[in-house]
Amino acid sequence: MKRQSKSEFRCQQECRCEVCPLSQIKAGVAVRIKQLCGAPELQNRLRELGLGEDRIIKLLTSQTNFICQVCNARLAISQQLAQLILVEPLRPAVV
């Protein structure tokens, strides 16, 4: 039986994450937005910015601010806002 490397095991663990806040995702990962939390006005504003349910986005950086690739634009949001966006990590495409 072949032993898995640490990176293979870590990747499999990350893919098992079902739904978690965007603030817990590592940079470079593509995700699908599953749910927006917060006040209805905030949810509507996020949808206007392109961060609606079932939208696929890519997290570019996750430092002080979170920069996301949304449609062909980059959008920076705060950590507090990233905690209100529940996402599902997408599995990497098999080539």
Protein backbone atom coordinates (compact mmCIF):
# COMPACT_ATOMS: atom_id res chain seq x y z
CA MET A 1 0.00 0.00 0.00
CA LYS A 2 1.39 3.39 -1.02
CA ARG A 3 1.98 5.93 1.74
CA GLN A 4 0.53 9.37 1.22
CA SER A 5 2.81 12.37 1.42
CA LYS A 6 1.94 15.11 3.89
CA SER A 7 0.88 17.45 1.06
CA GLU A 8 -1.45 14.82 -0.45
CA PHE A 9 -3.00 14.17 2.96
CA ARG A 10 -3.39 17.92 3.65
CA CYS A 11 -5.07 18.44 0.26
CA GLN A 12 -7.55 15.65 0.97
CA GLN A 13 -8.33 17.15 4.37
CA GLU A 14 -8.95 20.60 2.83
CA CYS A 15 -11.28 19.11 0.19
CA ARG A 16 -13.38 17.53 2.94
CA CYS A 17 -14.28 20.93 4.36
CA GLU A 18 -17.91 21.27 3.42
CA VAL A 19 -18.96 24.80 4.34
CA CYS A 20 -16.79 27.27 6.22
CA PRO A 21 -16.29 31.05 6.36
CA LEU A 22 -14.25 32.63 3.58
CA SER A 23 -11.89 33.92 6.28
CA GLN A 24 -10.70 30.33 6.91
CA ILE A 25 -9.75 29.61 3.30
CA LYS A 26 -6.12 29.71 2.16
CA ALA A 27 -5.02 32.05 -0.63
CA GLY A 28 -5.15 30.53 -4.11
CA VAL A 29 -8.23 28.36 -3.48
CA ALA A 30 -11.35 28.59 -5.63
CA VAL A 31 -14.64 28.39 -3.73
CA ARG A 32 -18.38 28.45 -4.32
CA ILE A 33 -20.40 30.84 -2.17
CA LYS A 34 -23.08 28.86 -0.33
CA GLN A 35 -24.65 31.38 2.06
CA LEU A 36 -24.45 35.04 3.02
CA CYS A 37 -24.91 35.89 6.69
CA GLY A 38 -25.60 39.25 8.27
CA ALA A 39 -28.28 41.88 7.85
CA PRO A 40 -30.47 41.74 4.71
CA GLU A 41 -29.03 45.10 3.56
CA LEU A 42 -25.50 43.68 3.79
CA GLN A 43 -26.51 40.53 1.90
CA ASN A 44 -28.04 42.63 -0.89
CA ARG A 45 -24.91 44.79 -1.13
CA LEU A 46 -22.69 41.72 -1.39
CA ARG A 47 -24.89 40.38 -4.19
CA GLU A 48 -24.65 43.74 -5.99
CA LEU A 49 -20.85 43.44 -5.80
CA GLY A 50 -20.99 39.98 -7.40
CA LEU A 51 -20.67 37.93 -4.21
CA GLY A 52 -23.98 36.09 -4.47
CA GLU A 53 -24.92 32.52 -3.69
CA ASP A 54 -23.53 29.86 -6.07
CA ARG A 55 -20.95 32.31 -7.46
CA ILE A 56 -17.49 30.81 -7.91
CA ILE A 57 -14.68 33.08 -6.73
CA LYS A 58 -10.96 32.68 -6.10
CA LEU A 59 -9.28 33.95 -2.97
CA LEU A 60 -6.08 35.71 -4.06
CA THR A 61 -4.74 36.88 -0.69
CA SER A 62 -5.81 36.33 2.88
CA GLN A 63 -3.81 38.77 4.98
CA THR A 64 -5.21 41.89 6.65
CA ASN A 65 -7.73 42.26 3.83
CA PHE A 66 -9.05 39.43 1.69
CA ILE A 67 -8.71 39.98 -2.05
CA CYS A 68 -11.05 37.90 -4.20
CA GLN A 69 -11.22 37.41 -7.96
CA VAL A 70 -14.91 37.96 -8.76
CA CYS A 71 -16.00 37.83 -12.39
CA ASN A 72 -12.97 39.60 -13.98
CA ALA A 73 -12.44 42.02 -11.10
CA ARG A 74 -10.53 42.00 -7.85
CA LEU A 75 -12.47 42.90 -4.74
CA ALA A 76 -10.96 43.56 -1.29
CA ILE A 77 -13.04 42.84 1.80
CA SER A 78 -12.30 42.92 5.52
CA GLN A 79 -11.81 39.87 7.71
CA GLN A 80 -15.10 40.63 9.48
CA LEU A 81 -16.94 40.60 6.17
CA ALA A 82 -15.13 37.43 5.04
CA GLN A 83 -16.43 35.68 8.17
CA LEU A 84 -20.02 36.35 7.04
CA ILE A 85 -19.56 34.63 3.66
CA LEU A 86 -19.93 30.84 3.92
CA VAL A 87 -18.17 28.98 1.12
CA GLU A 88 -17.45 25.48 -0.12
CA PRO A 89 -13.91 24.85 -1.45
CA LEU A 90 -13.88 23.43 -4.98
CA ARG A 91 -11.85 20.36 -5.69
CA PRO A 92 -8.91 20.91 -8.02
CA ALA A 93 -9.51 19.74 -11.59
CA VAL A 94 -7.81 16.46 -12.42
CA VAL A 95 -5.59 16.82 -15.47
